[in-house]
Protein backbone atom coordinates (compact mmCIF):
# COMPACT_ATOMS: atom_id res chain seq x y z
CA UNK A 1 38.25 -109.74 -56.68
CA UNK A 2 36.59 -109.81 -59.81
CA UNK A 3 33.86 -107.30 -61.20
CA UNK A 4 31.23 -110.28 -61.61
CA UNK A 5 32.11 -111.41 -58.26
CA UNK A 6 31.50 -108.02 -56.73
CA UNK A 7 28.19 -107.50 -58.44
CA UNK A 8 26.92 -110.89 -57.40
CA UNK A 9 27.16 -109.69 -53.51
CA UNK A 10 25.38 -107.22 -51.60
CA UNK A 11 27.16 -104.05 -50.25
CA UNK A 12 26.98 -105.48 -46.76
CA UNK A 13 28.46 -108.68 -47.92
CA UNK A 14 31.37 -106.92 -49.48
CA UNK A 15 32.12 -104.78 -46.91
CA UNK A 16 31.80 -107.20 -44.09
CA UNK A 17 33.74 -109.88 -45.92
CA UNK A 18 36.29 -108.60 -48.71
CA UNK A 19 36.68 -104.83 -47.78
CA UNK A 20 38.23 -102.50 -45.29
CA UNK A 21 37.56 -98.76 -44.59
CA UNK A 22 40.75 -96.92 -45.86
CA UNK A 23 39.07 -93.41 -45.91
CA UNK A 24 36.33 -91.33 -44.90
CA UNK A 25 35.60 -87.69 -45.57
CA UNK A 26 32.61 -85.89 -44.31
CA UNK A 27 31.36 -82.79 -45.72
CA UNK A 28 29.23 -80.23 -43.91
CA UNK A 29 27.55 -76.67 -43.92
CA UNK A 30 28.74 -74.23 -41.23
CA UNK A 31 25.67 -75.09 -39.27
CA UNK A 32 26.60 -78.88 -38.99
CA UNK A 33 24.46 -79.99 -41.80
CA UNK A 34 25.89 -83.16 -43.47
CA UNK A 35 26.11 -82.42 -47.37
CA UNK A 36 28.28 -85.22 -48.47
CA UNK A 37 30.09 -88.18 -47.13
CA UNK A 38 32.88 -90.08 -49.14
CA UNK A 39 34.12 -93.65 -48.51
CA UNK A 40 36.83 -95.44 -50.05
CA UNK A 41 37.34 -99.11 -49.22
CA UNK A 42 40.30 -101.35 -50.36
CA UNK A 43 40.12 -105.29 -50.66
CA UNK A 44 41.33 -106.64 -47.00
CA UNK A 45 44.36 -108.42 -48.55
CA UNK A 46 46.01 -105.10 -49.55
CA UNK A 47 46.02 -103.50 -46.35
CA UNK A 48 48.10 -104.59 -43.26
CA UNK A 49 45.05 -104.56 -40.82
CA UNK A 50 45.10 -101.06 -40.10
CA UNK A 51 42.53 -98.41 -41.78
CA UNK A 52 45.08 -95.73 -42.21
CA UNK A 53 42.53 -93.41 -40.83
CA UNK A 54 43.00 -91.10 -37.94
CA UNK A 55 40.26 -92.01 -35.89
CA UNK A 56 41.26 -90.18 -32.99
CA UNK A 57 40.59 -86.88 -34.42
CA UNK A 58 38.48 -84.13 -32.76
CA UNK A 59 36.26 -83.16 -35.75
CA UNK A 60 33.90 -79.99 -34.78
CA UNK A 61 30.54 -79.90 -36.06
CA UNK A 62 30.32 -77.58 -39.41
CA UNK A 63 34.22 -78.39 -39.93
CA UNK A 64 34.79 -79.50 -43.35
CA UNK A 65 38.06 -81.29 -44.12
CA UNK A 66 37.87 -81.47 -47.87
């Protein structure tokens, strides 16, 4: 995808049609308050259909993996 194509689409269109979530990191305070969320996406043609994310993890409130 070229930069001008990316800018001509809404974020929703990009995510739904062209991109796949490959990484997510949630940063929280000890009381569970979310401070920052990081997302990384790759073009779908660069992924093998798997997100590469471990969605089975048990993430406790207040835990900061980053």
